[in-house]
């Protein structure tokens, strides 16, 4: 049985194979990007992410730990979803939290 030979690249493109790479979905800062589900996402490290999520017609700030399932990152149980009002209250408390952290 003859082996199948690889077909030669017949692309007419001047730029070559680099134009076939997926487009990186970076926005704004170095640790901000959009995931495949197009949600704005920020990496906090150690598989923890902040996402802006739309759930049942409402917008939430989702701070969650993800786990690796067959090469894909999936959201885990550990995390919190904040409503817009809760997010605003949290932001208003950040300076006080920073001051307490400096005392420790």
PDB file of N, CA and C in Angstrom:
ATOM      1  N   UNK A   1       0.844  -1.176   0.000  1.00  0.00           N
ATOM      2  CA  UNK A   1       0.000   0.000   0.000  1.00  0.00           C
ATOM      3  C   UNK A   1       0.891   1.241   0.000  1.00  0.00           C
ATOM      4  N   UNK A   2       0.766   2.145  -0.949  1.00  0.00           N
ATOM      5  CA  UNK A   2       1.651   3.315  -1.041  1.00  0.00           C
ATOM      6  C   UNK A   2       1.341   4.324   0.054  1.00  0.00           C
ATOM      7  N   UNK A   3       2.405   4.983   0.511  1.00  0.00           N
ATOM      8  CA  UNK A   3       2.241   6.019   1.524  1.00  0.00           C
ATOM      9  C   UNK A   3       1.682   7.268   0.874  1.00  0.00           C
ATOM     10  N   UNK A   4       0.870   7.982   1.641  1.00  0.00           N
ATOM     11  CA  UNK A   4       0.337   9.248   1.136  1.00  0.00           C
ATOM     12  C   UNK A   4       1.405  10.311   1.297  1.00  0.00           C
ATOM     13  N   UNK A   5       1.680  11.000   0.237  1.00  0.00           N
ATOM     14  CA  UNK A   5       2.680  12.064   0.332  1.00  0.00           C
ATOM     15  C   UNK A   5       2.000  13.362   0.731  1.00  0.00           C
ATOM     16  N   UNK A   6       2.767  14.193   1.401  1.00  0.00           N
ATOM     17  CA  UNK A   6       2.235  15.489   1.808  1.00  0.00           C
ATOM     18  C   UNK A   6       2.088  16.357   0.578  1.00  0.00           C
ATOM     19  N   UNK A   7       0.985  17.049   0.511  1.00  0.00           N
ATOM     20  CA  UNK A   7       0.727  17.933  -0.610  1.00  0.00           C
ATOM     21  C   UNK A   7       1.511  19.228  -0.439  1.00  0.00           C
ATOM     22  N   UNK A   8       2.124  19.676  -1.487  1.00  0.00           N
ATOM     23  CA  UNK A   8       2.901  20.911  -1.436  1.00  0.00           C
ATOM     24  C   UNK A   8       1.967  22.091  -1.215  1.00  0.00           C
ATOM     25  N   UNK A   9       2.464  23.080  -0.490  1.00  0.00           N
ATOM     26  CA  UNK A   9       1.684  24.282  -0.234  1.00  0.00           C
ATOM     27  C   UNK A   9       1.533  25.060  -1.527  1.00  0.00           C
ATOM     28  N   UNK A  10       0.295  25.278  -1.935  1.00  0.00           N
ATOM     29  CA  UNK A  10       0.042  25.975  -3.196  1.00  0.00           C
ATOM     30  C   UNK A  10      -0.559  27.350  -2.953  1.00  0.00           C
ATOM     31  N   UNK A  11      -0.269  27.919  -1.814  1.00  0.00           N
ATOM     32  CA  UNK A  11      -0.819  29.231  -1.491  1.00  0.00           C
ATOM     33  C   UNK A  11      -0.229  30.303  -2.395  1.00  0.00           C
ATOM     34  N   UNK A  12      -1.084  31.215  -2.846  1.00  0.00           N
ATOM     35  CA  UNK A  12      -0.635  32.336  -3.666  1.00  0.00           C
ATOM     36  C   UNK A  12      -0.271  33.548  -2.820  1.00  0.00           C
ATOM     37  N   UNK A  13      -0.394  33.403  -1.518  1.00  0.00           N
ATOM     38  CA  UNK A  13      -0.142  34.516  -0.614  1.00  0.00           C
ATOM     39  C   UNK A  13       1.345  34.841  -0.543  1.00  0.00           C
ATOM     40  N   UNK A  14       1.675  36.125  -0.548  1.00  0.00           N
ATOM     41  CA  UNK A  14       3.067  36.550  -0.423  1.00  0.00           C
ATOM     42  C   UNK A  14       3.589  36.377   0.995  1.00  0.00           C
ATOM     43  N   UNK A  15       2.676  36.410   1.979  1.00  0.00           N
ATOM     44  CA  UNK A  15       3.124  36.387   3.367  1.00  0.00           C
ATOM     45  C   UNK A  15       3.428  34.980   3.866  1.00  0.00           C
ATOM     46  N   UNK A  16       3.070  33.950   3.172  1.00  0.00           N
ATOM     47  CA  UNK A  16       3.407  32.583   3.553  1.00  0.00           C
ATOM     48  C   UNK A  16       2.527  32.047   4.666  1.00  0.00           C
ATOM     49  N   UNK A  17       3.022  31.018   5.362  1.00  0.00           N
ATOM     50  CA  UNK A  17       2.195  30.326   6.345  1.00  0.00           C
ATOM     51  C   UNK A  17       1.884  31.133   7.595  1.00  0.00           C
ATOM     52  N   UNK A  18       2.623  32.210   7.867  1.00  0.00           N
ATOM     53  CA  UNK A  18       2.343  32.965   9.092  1.00  0.00           C
ATOM     54  C   UNK A  18       0.961  33.601   9.081  1.00  0.00           C
ATOM     55  N   UNK A  19       0.341  33.739   7.909  1.00  0.00           N
ATOM     56  CA  UNK A  19      -0.994  34.323   7.868  1.00  0.00           C
ATOM     57  C   UNK A  19      -2.070  33.316   8.282  1.00  0.00           C
ATOM     58  N   UNK A  20      -1.680  32.109   8.596  1.00  0.00           N
ATOM     59  CA  UNK A  20      -2.636  31.084   9.024  1.00  0.00           C
ATOM     60  C   UNK A  20      -2.703  30.948  10.540  1.00  0.00           C
ATOM     61  N   UNK A  21      -1.879  31.677  11.266  1.00  0.00           N
ATOM     62  CA  UNK A  21      -1.900  31.607  12.720  1.00  0.00           C
ATOM     63  C   UNK A  21      -3.170  32.259  13.238  1.00  0.00           C
ATOM     64  N   UNK A  22      -3.709  31.747  14.375  1.00  0.00           N
ATOM     65  CA  UNK A  22      -4.920  32.356  14.922  1.00  0.00           C
ATOM     66  C   UNK A  22      -4.644  33.783  15.383  1.00  0.00           C
ATOM     67  N   UNK A  23      -5.650  34.599  15.290  1.00  0.00           N
ATOM     68  CA  UNK A  23      -5.527  35.991  15.711  1.00  0.00           C
ATOM     69  C   UNK A  23      -5.564  36.046  17.231  1.00  0.00           C
ATOM     70  N   UNK A  24      -4.591  36.722  17.819  1.00  0.00           N
ATOM     71  CA  UNK A  24      -4.585  36.873  19.266  1.00  0.00           C
ATOM     72  C   UNK A  24      -5.643  37.885  19.652  1.00  0.00           C
ATOM     73  N   UNK A  25      -6.322  37.617  20.745  1.00  0.00           N
ATOM     74  CA  UNK A  25      -7.458  38.427  21.136  1.00  0.00           C
ATOM     75  C   UNK A  25      -7.122  39.343  22.299  1.00  0.00           C
ATOM     76  N   UNK A  26      -6.056  40.105  22.175  1.00  0.00           N
ATOM     77  CA  UNK A  26      -5.641  41.020  23.228  1.00  0.00           C
ATOM     78  C   UNK A  26      -6.434  42.317  23.152  1.00  0.00           C
ATOM     79  N   UNK A  27      -6.753  42.864  24.305  1.00  0.00           N
ATOM     80  CA  UNK A  27      -7.339  44.193  24.397  1.00  0.00           C
ATOM     81  C   UNK A  27      -6.736  44.913  25.590  1.00  0.00           C
ATOM     82  N   UNK A  28      -6.653  46.228  25.515  1.00  0.00           N
ATOM     83  CA  UNK A  28      -6.209  47.121  26.574  1.00  0.00           C
ATOM     84  C   UNK A  28      -4.875  46.760  27.206  1.00  0.00           C
ATOM     85  N   UNK A  29      -4.833  46.086  28.362  1.00  0.00           N
ATOM     86  CA  UNK A  29      -3.595  45.888  29.105  1.00  0.00           C
ATOM     87  C   UNK A  29      -2.953  44.540  28.802  1.00  0.00           C
ATOM     88  N   UNK A  30      -1.767  44.321  29.376  1.00  0.00           N
ATOM     89  CA  UNK A  30      -1.030  43.081  29.121  1.00  0.00           C
ATOM     90  C   UNK A  30      -1.752  41.842  29.618  1.00  0.00           C
ATOM     91  N   UNK A  31      -2.527  41.946  30.716  1.00  0.00           N
ATOM     92  CA  UNK A  31      -3.169  40.748  31.248  1.00  0.00           C
ATOM     93  C   UNK A  31      -4.660  40.706  30.919  1.00  0.00           C
ATOM     94  N   UNK A  32      -5.108  41.520  29.987  1.00  0.00           N
ATOM     95  CA  UNK A  32      -6.505  41.550  29.583  1.00  0.00           C
ATOM     96  C   UNK A  32      -6.633  40.943  28.188  1.00  0.00           C
ATOM     97  N   UNK A  33      -7.652  40.122  28.009  1.00  0.00           N
ATOM     98  CA  UNK A  33      -7.894  39.516  26.702  1.00  0.00           C
ATOM     99  C   UNK A  33      -9.340  39.067  26.633  1.00  0.00           C
ATOM    100  N   UNK A  34      -9.751  38.601  25.479  1.00  0.00           N
ATOM    101  CA  UNK A  34     -11.097  38.055  25.316  1.00  0.00           C
ATOM    102  C   UNK A  34     -10.973  36.556  25.061  1.00  0.00           C
ATOM    103  N   UNK A  35     -11.830  35.804  25.709  1.00  0.00           N
ATOM    104  CA  UNK A  35     -11.813  34.357  25.546  1.00  0.00           C
ATOM    105  C   UNK A  35     -12.643  33.973  24.327  1.00  0.00           C
ATOM    106  N   UNK A  36     -12.690  32.677  24.033  1.00  0.00           N
ATOM    107  CA  UNK A  36     -13.450  32.189  22.887  1.00  0.00           C
ATOM    108  C   UNK A  36     -14.922  32.576  22.984  1.00  0.00           C
ATOM    109  N   UNK A  37     -15.444  32.704  24.209  1.00  0.00           N
ATOM    110  CA  UNK A  37     -16.839  33.104  24.371  1.00  0.00           C
ATOM    111  C   UNK A  37     -16.989  34.621  24.313  1.00  0.00           C
ATOM    112  N   UNK A  38     -15.927  35.329  23.934  1.00  0.00           N
ATOM    113  CA  UNK A  38     -15.853  36.786  23.728  1.00  0.00           C
ATOM    114  C   UNK A  38     -16.043  37.601  24.994  1.00  0.00           C
ATOM    115  N   UNK A  39     -15.940  36.976  26.165  1.00  0.00           N
ATOM    116  CA  UNK A  39     -16.038  37.730  27.415  1.00  0.00           C
ATOM    117  C   UNK A  39     -14.702  38.399  27.714  1.00  0.00           C
ATOM    118  N   UNK A  40     -14.715  39.689  28.080  1.00  0.00           N
ATOM    119  CA  UNK A  40     -13.467  40.332  28.513  1.00  0.00           C
ATOM    120  C   UNK A  40     -12.935  39.604  29.749  1.00  0.00           C
ATOM    121  N   UNK A  41     -11.631  39.312  29.756  1.00  0.00           N
ATOM    122  CA  UNK A  41     -11.047  38.481  30.792  1.00  0.00           C
ATOM    123  C   UNK A  41      -9.704  39.045  31.237  1.00  0.00           C
ATOM    124  N   UNK A  42      -9.436  38.966  32.552  1.00  0.00           N
ATOM    125  CA  UNK A  42      -8.158  39.393  33.112  1.00  0.00           C
ATOM    126  C   UNK A  42      -7.585  38.246  33.926  1.00  0.00           C
ATOM    127  N   UNK A  43      -6.323  37.942  33.698  1.00  0.00           N
ATOM    128  CA  UNK A  43      -5.631  36.838  34.361  1.00  0.00           C
ATOM    129  C   UNK A  43      -5.042  37.331  35.676  1.00  0.00           C
ATOM    130  N   UNK A  44      -5.390  36.672  36.781  1.00  0.00           N
ATOM    131  CA  UNK A  44      -4.855  37.015  38.093  1.00  0.00           C
ATOM    132  C   UNK A  44      -3.727  36.078  38.502  1.00  0.00           C
ATOM    133  N   UNK A  45      -3.414  35.083  37.677  1.00  0.00           N
ATOM    134  CA  UNK A  45      -2.390  34.100  37.995  1.00  0.00           C
ATOM    135  C   UNK A  45      -2.986  32.905  38.716  1.00  0.00           C
ATOM    136  N   UNK A  46      -2.232  31.804  38.699  1.00  0.00           N
ATOM    137  CA  UNK A  46      -2.646  30.552  39.360  1.00  0.00           C
ATOM    138  C   UNK A  46      -4.058  30.119  38.964  1.00  0.00           C
ATOM    139  N   UNK A  47      -4.349  30.201  37.658  1.00  0.00           N
ATOM    140  CA  UNK A  47      -5.642  29.783  37.096  1.00  0.00           C
ATOM    141  C   UNK A  47      -6.834  30.538  37.682  1.00  0.00           C
ATOM    142  N   UNK A  48      -6.626  31.782  38.106  1.00  0.00           N
ATOM    143  CA  UNK A  48      -7.712  32.624  38.587  1.00  0.00           C
ATOM    144  C   UNK A  48      -7.908  33.762  37.593  1.00  0.00           C
ATOM    145  N   UNK A  49      -9.166  34.005  37.244  1.00  0.00           N
ATOM    146  CA  UNK A  49      -9.496  34.995  36.234  1.00  0.00           C
ATOM    147  C   UNK A  49     -10.659  35.869  36.688  1.00  0.00           C
ATOM    148  N   UNK A  50     -10.686  37.093  36.183  1.00  0.00           N
ATOM    149  CA  UNK A  50     -11.827  37.992  36.337  1.00  0.00           C
ATOM    150  C   UNK A  50     -12.462  38.110  34.960  1.00  0.00           C
ATOM    151  N   UNK A  51     -13.759  37.901  34.904  1.00  0.00           N
ATOM    152  CA  UNK A  51     -14.481  37.996  33.631  1.00  0.00           C
ATOM    153  C   UNK A  51     -15.707  38.876  33.818  1.00  0.00           C
ATOM    154  N   UNK A  52     -16.093  39.530  32.746  1.00  0.00           N
ATOM    155  CA  UNK A  52     -17.368  40.229  32.713  1.00  0.00           C
ATOM    156  C   UNK A  52     -18.332  39.271  32.023  1.00  0.00           C
ATOM    157  N   UNK A  53     -19.337  38.814  32.768  1.00  0.00           N
ATOM    158  CA  UNK A  53     -20.253  37.793  32.264  1.00  0.00           C
ATOM    159  C   UNK A  53     -21.670  38.337  32.143  1.00  0.00           C
ATOM    160  N   UNK A  54     -22.369  37.822  31.159  1.00  0.00           N
ATOM    161  CA  UNK A  54     -23.784  38.118  30.988  1.00  0.00           C
ATOM    162  C   UNK A  54     -24.533  36.837  31.316  1.00  0.00           C
ATOM    163  N   UNK A  55     -25.362  36.871  32.365  1.00  0.00           N
ATOM    164  CA  UNK A  55     -26.084  35.677  32.796  1.00  0.00           C
ATOM    165  C   UNK A  55     -27.544  36.048  33.024  1.00  0.00           C
ATOM    166  N   UNK A  56     -28.420  35.405  32.311  1.00  0.00           N
ATOM    167  CA  UNK A  56     -29.859  35.655  32.385  1.00  0.00           C
ATOM    168  C   UNK A  56     -30.180  37.137  32.214  1.00  0.00           C
ATOM    169  N   UNK A  57     -29.497  37.759  31.266  1.00  0.00           N
ATOM    170  CA  UNK A  57     -29.785  39.147  30.943  1.00  0.00           C
ATOM    171  C   UNK A  57     -29.170  40.179  31.869  1.00  0.00           C
ATOM    172  N   UNK A  58     -28.390  39.746  32.862  1.00  0.00           N
ATOM    173  CA  UNK A  58     -27.738  40.680  33.783  1.00  0.00           C
ATOM    174  C   UNK A  58     -26.233  40.554  33.642  1.00  0.00           C
ATOM    175  N   UNK A  59     -25.528  41.656  33.899  1.00  0.00           N
ATOM    176  CA  UNK A  59     -24.072  41.687  33.772  1.00  0.00           C
ATOM    177  C   UNK A  59     -23.453  41.512  35.161  1.00  0.00           C
ATOM    178  N   UNK A  60     -22.433  40.657  35.227  1.00  0.00           N
ATOM    179  CA  UNK A  60     -21.750  40.360  36.480  1.00  0.00           C
ATOM    180  C   UNK A  60     -20.240  40.459  36.309  1.00  0.00           C
ATOM    181  N   UNK A  61     -19.558  40.722  37.417  1.00  0.00           N
ATOM    182  CA  UNK A  61     -18.108  40.580  37.485  1.00  0.00           C
ATOM    183  C   UNK A  61     -17.878  39.220  38.125  1.00  0.00           C
ATOM    184  N   UNK A  62     -17.260  38.332  37.379  1.00  0.00           N
ATOM    185  CA  UNK A  62     -17.068  36.950  37.819  1.00  0.00           C
ATOM    186  C   UNK A  62     -15.591  36.734  38.143  1.00  0.00           C
ATOM    187  N   UNK A  63     -15.278  36.512  39.421  1.00  0.00           N
ATOM    188  CA  UNK A  63     -13.908  36.239  39.875  1.00  0.00           C
ATOM    189  C   UNK A  63     -13.880  34.763  40.243  1.00  0.00           C
ATOM    190  N   UNK A  64     -13.130  33.972  39.473  1.00  0.00           N
ATOM    191  CA  UNK A  64     -13.257  32.522  39.613  1.00  0.00           C
ATOM    192  C   UNK A  64     -11.933  31.803  39.391  1.00  0.00           C
ATOM    193  N   UNK A  65     -11.797  30.664  40.056  1.00  0.00           N
ATOM    194  CA  UNK A  65     -10.666  29.765  39.840  1.00  0.00           C
ATOM    195  C   UNK A  65     -11.067  28.752  38.781  1.00  0.00           C
ATOM    196  N   UNK A  66     -10.181  28.505  37.833  1.00  0.00           N
ATOM    197  CA  UNK A  66     -10.452  27.572  36.742  1.00  0.00           C
ATOM    198  C   UNK A  66      -9.605  26.316  36.927  1.00  0.00           C
ATOM    199  N   UNK A  67     -10.030  25.227  36.329  1.00  0.00           N
ATOM    200  CA  UNK A  67      -9.270  23.978  36.376  1.00  0.00           C
ATOM    201  C   UNK A  67      -9.044  23.480  34.957  1.00  0.00           C
ATOM    202  N   UNK A  68      -8.037  22.641  34.797  1.00  0.00           N
ATOM    203  CA  UNK A  68      -7.667  22.119  33.494  1.00  0.00           C
ATOM    204  C   UNK A  68      -8.396  20.800  33.253  1.00  0.00           C
ATOM    205  N   UNK A  69      -9.224  20.756  32.220  1.00  0.00           N
ATOM    206  CA  UNK A  69      -9.954  19.539  31.847  1.00  0.00           C
ATOM    207  C   UNK A  69      -9.625  19.213  30.398  1.00  0.00           C
ATOM    208  N   UNK A  70      -8.793  18.211  30.196  1.00  0.00           N
ATOM    209  CA  UNK A  70      -8.410  17.768  28.851  1.00  0.00           C
ATOM    210  C   UNK A  70      -7.842  18.909  28.007  1.00  0.00           C
ATOM    211  N   UNK A  71      -7.013  19.717  28.619  1.00  0.00           N
ATOM    212  CA  UNK A  71      -6.365  20.800  27.899  1.00  0.00           C
ATOM    213  C   UNK A  71      -7.162  22.093  27.831  1.00  0.00           C
ATOM    214  N   UNK A  72      -8.398  22.074  28.291  1.00  0.00           N
ATOM    215  CA  UNK A  72      -9.239  23.280  28.299  1.00  0.00           C
ATOM    216  C   UNK A  72      -9.386  23.784  29.728  1.00  0.00           C
ATOM    217  N   UNK A  73      -9.381  25.094  29.899  1.00  0.00           N
ATOM    218  CA  UNK A  73      -9.645  25.669  31.213  1.00  0.00           C
ATOM    219  C   UNK A  73     -11.149  25.801  31.392  1.00  0.00           C
ATOM    220  N   UNK A  74     -11.649  25.242  32.475  1.00  0.00           N
ATOM    221  CA  UNK A  74     -13.079  25.278  32.778  1.00  0.00           C
ATOM    222  C   UNK A  74     -13.288  25.978  34.114  1.00  0.00           C
ATOM    223  N   UNK A  75     -14.411  26.723  34.257  1.00  0.00           N
ATOM    224  CA  UNK A  75     -14.668  27.400  35.530  1.00  0.00           C
ATOM    225  C   UNK A  75     -14.958  26.393  36.635  1.00  0.00           C
ATOM    226  N   UNK A  76     -14.386  26.645  37.794  1.00  0.00           N
ATOM    227  CA  UNK A  76     -14.599  25.777  38.943  1.00  0.00           C
ATOM    228  C   UNK A  76     -15.654  26.338  39.888  1.00  0.00           C
ATOM    229  N   UNK A  77     -15.857  25.646  40.997  1.00  0.00           N
ATOM    230  CA  UNK A  77     -16.839  26.074  41.995  1.00  0.00           C
ATOM    231  C   UNK A  77     -16.337  27.243  42.824  1.00  0.00           C
ATOM    232  N   UNK A  78     -15.023  27.346  42.977  1.00  0.00           N
ATOM    233  CA  UNK A  78     -14.446  28.393  43.818  1.00  0.00           C
ATOM    234  C   UNK A  78     -14.472  29.719  43.082  1.00  0.00           C
ATOM    235  N   UNK A  79     -15.277  30.624  43.572  1.00  0.00           N
ATOM    236  CA  UNK A  79     -15.346  31.936  42.956  1.00  0.00           C
ATOM    237  C   UNK A  79     -16.572  32.689  43.413  1.00  0.00           C
ATOM    238  N   UNK A  80     -16.719  33.886  42.873  1.00  0.00           N
ATOM    239  CA  UNK A  80     -17.845  34.738  43.240  1.00  0.00           C
ATOM    240  C   UNK A  80     -18.268  35.546  42.021  1.00  0.00           C
ATOM    241  N   UNK A  81     -19.582  35.753  41.889  1.00  0.00           N
ATOM    242  CA  UNK A  81     -20.127  36.627  40.852  1.00  0.00           C
ATOM    243  C   UNK A  81     -20.746  37.821  41.550  1.00  0.00           C
ATOM    244  N   UNK A  82     -20.270  39.004  41.193  1.00  0.00           N
ATOM    245  CA  UNK A  82     -20.765  40.222  41.809  1.00  0.00           C
ATOM    246  C   UNK A  82     -21.684  40.964  40.848  1.00  0.00           C
ATOM    247  N   UNK A  83     -22.798  41.455  41.370  1.00  0.00           N
ATOM    248  CA  UNK A  83     -23.671  42.296  40.567  1.00  0.00           C
ATOM    249  C   UNK A  83     -22.982  43.644  40.370  1.00  0.00           C
ATOM    250  N   UNK A  84     -23.532  44.467  39.511  1.00  0.00           N
ATOM    251  CA  UNK A  84     -22.974  45.798  39.294  1.00  0.00           C
ATOM    252  C   UNK A  84     -22.922  46.602  40.588  1.00  0.00           C
ATOM    253  N   UNK A  85     -23.972  46.532  41.385  1.00  0.00           N
ATOM    254  CA  UNK A  85     -24.019  47.254  42.665  1.00  0.00           C
ATOM    255  C   UNK A  85     -22.956  46.734  43.636  1.00  0.00           C
ATOM    256  N   UNK A  86     -22.817  45.423  43.727  1.00  0.00           N
ATOM    257  CA  UNK A  86     -21.800  44.846  44.606  1.00  0.00           C
ATOM    258  C   UNK A  86     -20.401  45.222  44.143  1.00  0.00           C
ATOM    259  N   UNK A  87     -20.184  45.244  42.830  1.00  0.00           N
ATOM    260  CA  UNK A  87     -18.890  45.626  42.282  1.00  0.00           C
ATOM    261  C   UNK A  87     -18.564  47.072  42.646  1.00  0.00           C
ATOM    262  N   UNK A  88     -19.540  47.974  42.539  1.00  0.00           N
ATOM    263  CA  UNK A  88     -19.325  49.373  42.899  1.00  0.00           C
ATOM    264  C   UNK A  88     -18.985  49.512  44.384  1.00  0.00           C
ATOM    265  N   UNK A  89     -19.658  48.763  45.239  1.00  0.00           N
ATOM    266  CA  UNK A  89     -19.356  48.784  46.680  1.00  0.00           C
ATOM    267  C   UNK A  89     -17.951  48.260  46.950  1.00  0.00           C
ATOM    268  N   UNK A  90     -17.580  47.194  46.240  1.00  0.00           N
ATOM    269  CA  UNK A  90     -16.238  46.633  46.396  1.00  0.00           C
ATOM    270  C   UNK A  90     -15.184  47.665  46.001  1.00  0.00           C
ATOM    271  N   UNK A  91     -15.383  48.309  44.846  1.00  0.00           N
ATOM    272  CA  UNK A  91     -14.433  49.318  44.384  1.00  0.00           C
ATOM    273  C   UNK A  91     -14.299  50.462  45.377  1.00  0.00           C
ATOM    274  N   UNK A  92     -15.404  50.851  46.010  1.00  0.00           N
ATOM    275  CA  UNK A  92     -15.378  51.931  46.987  1.00  0.00           C
ATOM    276  C   UNK A  92     -14.587  51.536  48.244  1.00  0.00           C
ATOM    277  N   UNK A  93     -14.455  50.242  48.497  1.00  0.00           N
ATOM    278  CA  UNK A  93     -13.753  49.751  49.686  1.00  0.00           C
ATOM    279  C   UNK A  93     -12.274  49.476  49.446  1.00  0.00           C
ATOM    280  N   UNK A  94     -11.820  49.542  48.216  1.00  0.00           N
ATOM    281  CA  UNK A  94     -10.457  49.135  47.869  1.00  0.00           C
ATOM    282  C   UNK A  94      -9.399  49.920  48.643  1.00  0.00           C
ATOM    283  N   UNK A  95      -9.546  51.235  48.761  1.00  0.00           N
ATOM    284  CA  UNK A  95      -8.543  52.032  49.485  1.00  0.00           C
ATOM    285  C   UNK A  95      -8.450  51.620  50.946  1.00  0.00           C
ATOM    286  N   UNK A  96      -9.576  51.394  51.599  1.00  0.00           N
ATOM    287  CA  UNK A  96      -9.569  50.941  52.993  1.00  0.00           C
ATOM    288  C   UNK A  96      -8.927  49.565  53.114  1.00  0.00           C
ATOM    289  N   UNK A  97      -9.213  48.689  52.187  1.00  0.00           N
ATOM    290  CA  UNK A  97      -8.619  47.344  52.194  1.00  0.00           C
ATOM    291  C   UNK A  97      -7.107  47.450  52.032  1.00  0.00           C
ATOM    292  N   UNK A  98      -6.661  48.310  51.113  1.00  0.00           N
ATOM    293  CA  UNK A  98      -5.218  48.533  50.917  1.00  0.00           C
ATOM    294  C   UNK A  98      -4.555  49.007  52.201  1.00  0.00           C
ATOM    295  N   UNK A  99      -5.184  49.938  52.890  1.00  0.00           N
ATOM    296  CA  UNK A  99      -4.616  50.454  54.150  1.00  0.00           C
ATOM    297  C   UNK A  99      -4.484  49.351  55.205  1.00  0.00           C
ATOM    298  N   UNK A 100      -5.494  48.500  55.296  1.00  0.00           N
ATOM    299  CA  UNK A 100      -5.451  47.384  56.254  1.00  0.00           C
ATOM    300  C   UNK A 100      -4.357  46.379  55.865  1.00  0.00           C
ATOM    301  N   UNK A 101      -4.188  46.153  54.563  1.00  0.00           N
ATOM    302  CA  UNK A 101      -3.147  45.234  54.107  1.00  0.00           C
ATOM    303  C   UNK A 101      -1.758  45.747  54.466  1.00  0.00           C
ATOM    304  N   UNK A 102      -1.555  47.062  54.395  1.00  0.00           N
ATOM    305  CA  UNK A 102      -0.268  47.637  54.732  1.00  0.00           C
ATOM    306  C   UNK A 102       0.061  47.476  56.208  1.00  0.00           C
ATOM    307  N   UNK A 103      -0.957  47.391  57.053  1.00  0.00           N
ATOM    308  CA  UNK A 103      -0.765  47.226  58.502  1.00  0.00           C
ATOM    309  C   UNK A 103      -0.328  45.801  58.857  1.00  0.00           C
ATOM    310  N   UNK A 104      -0.611  44.863  58.017  1.00  0.00           N
ATOM    311  CA  UNK A 104      -0.308  43.448  58.324  1.00  0.00           C
ATOM    312  C   UNK A 104       1.109  43.088  58.008  1.00  0.00           C
TER     313      UNK A 104
END
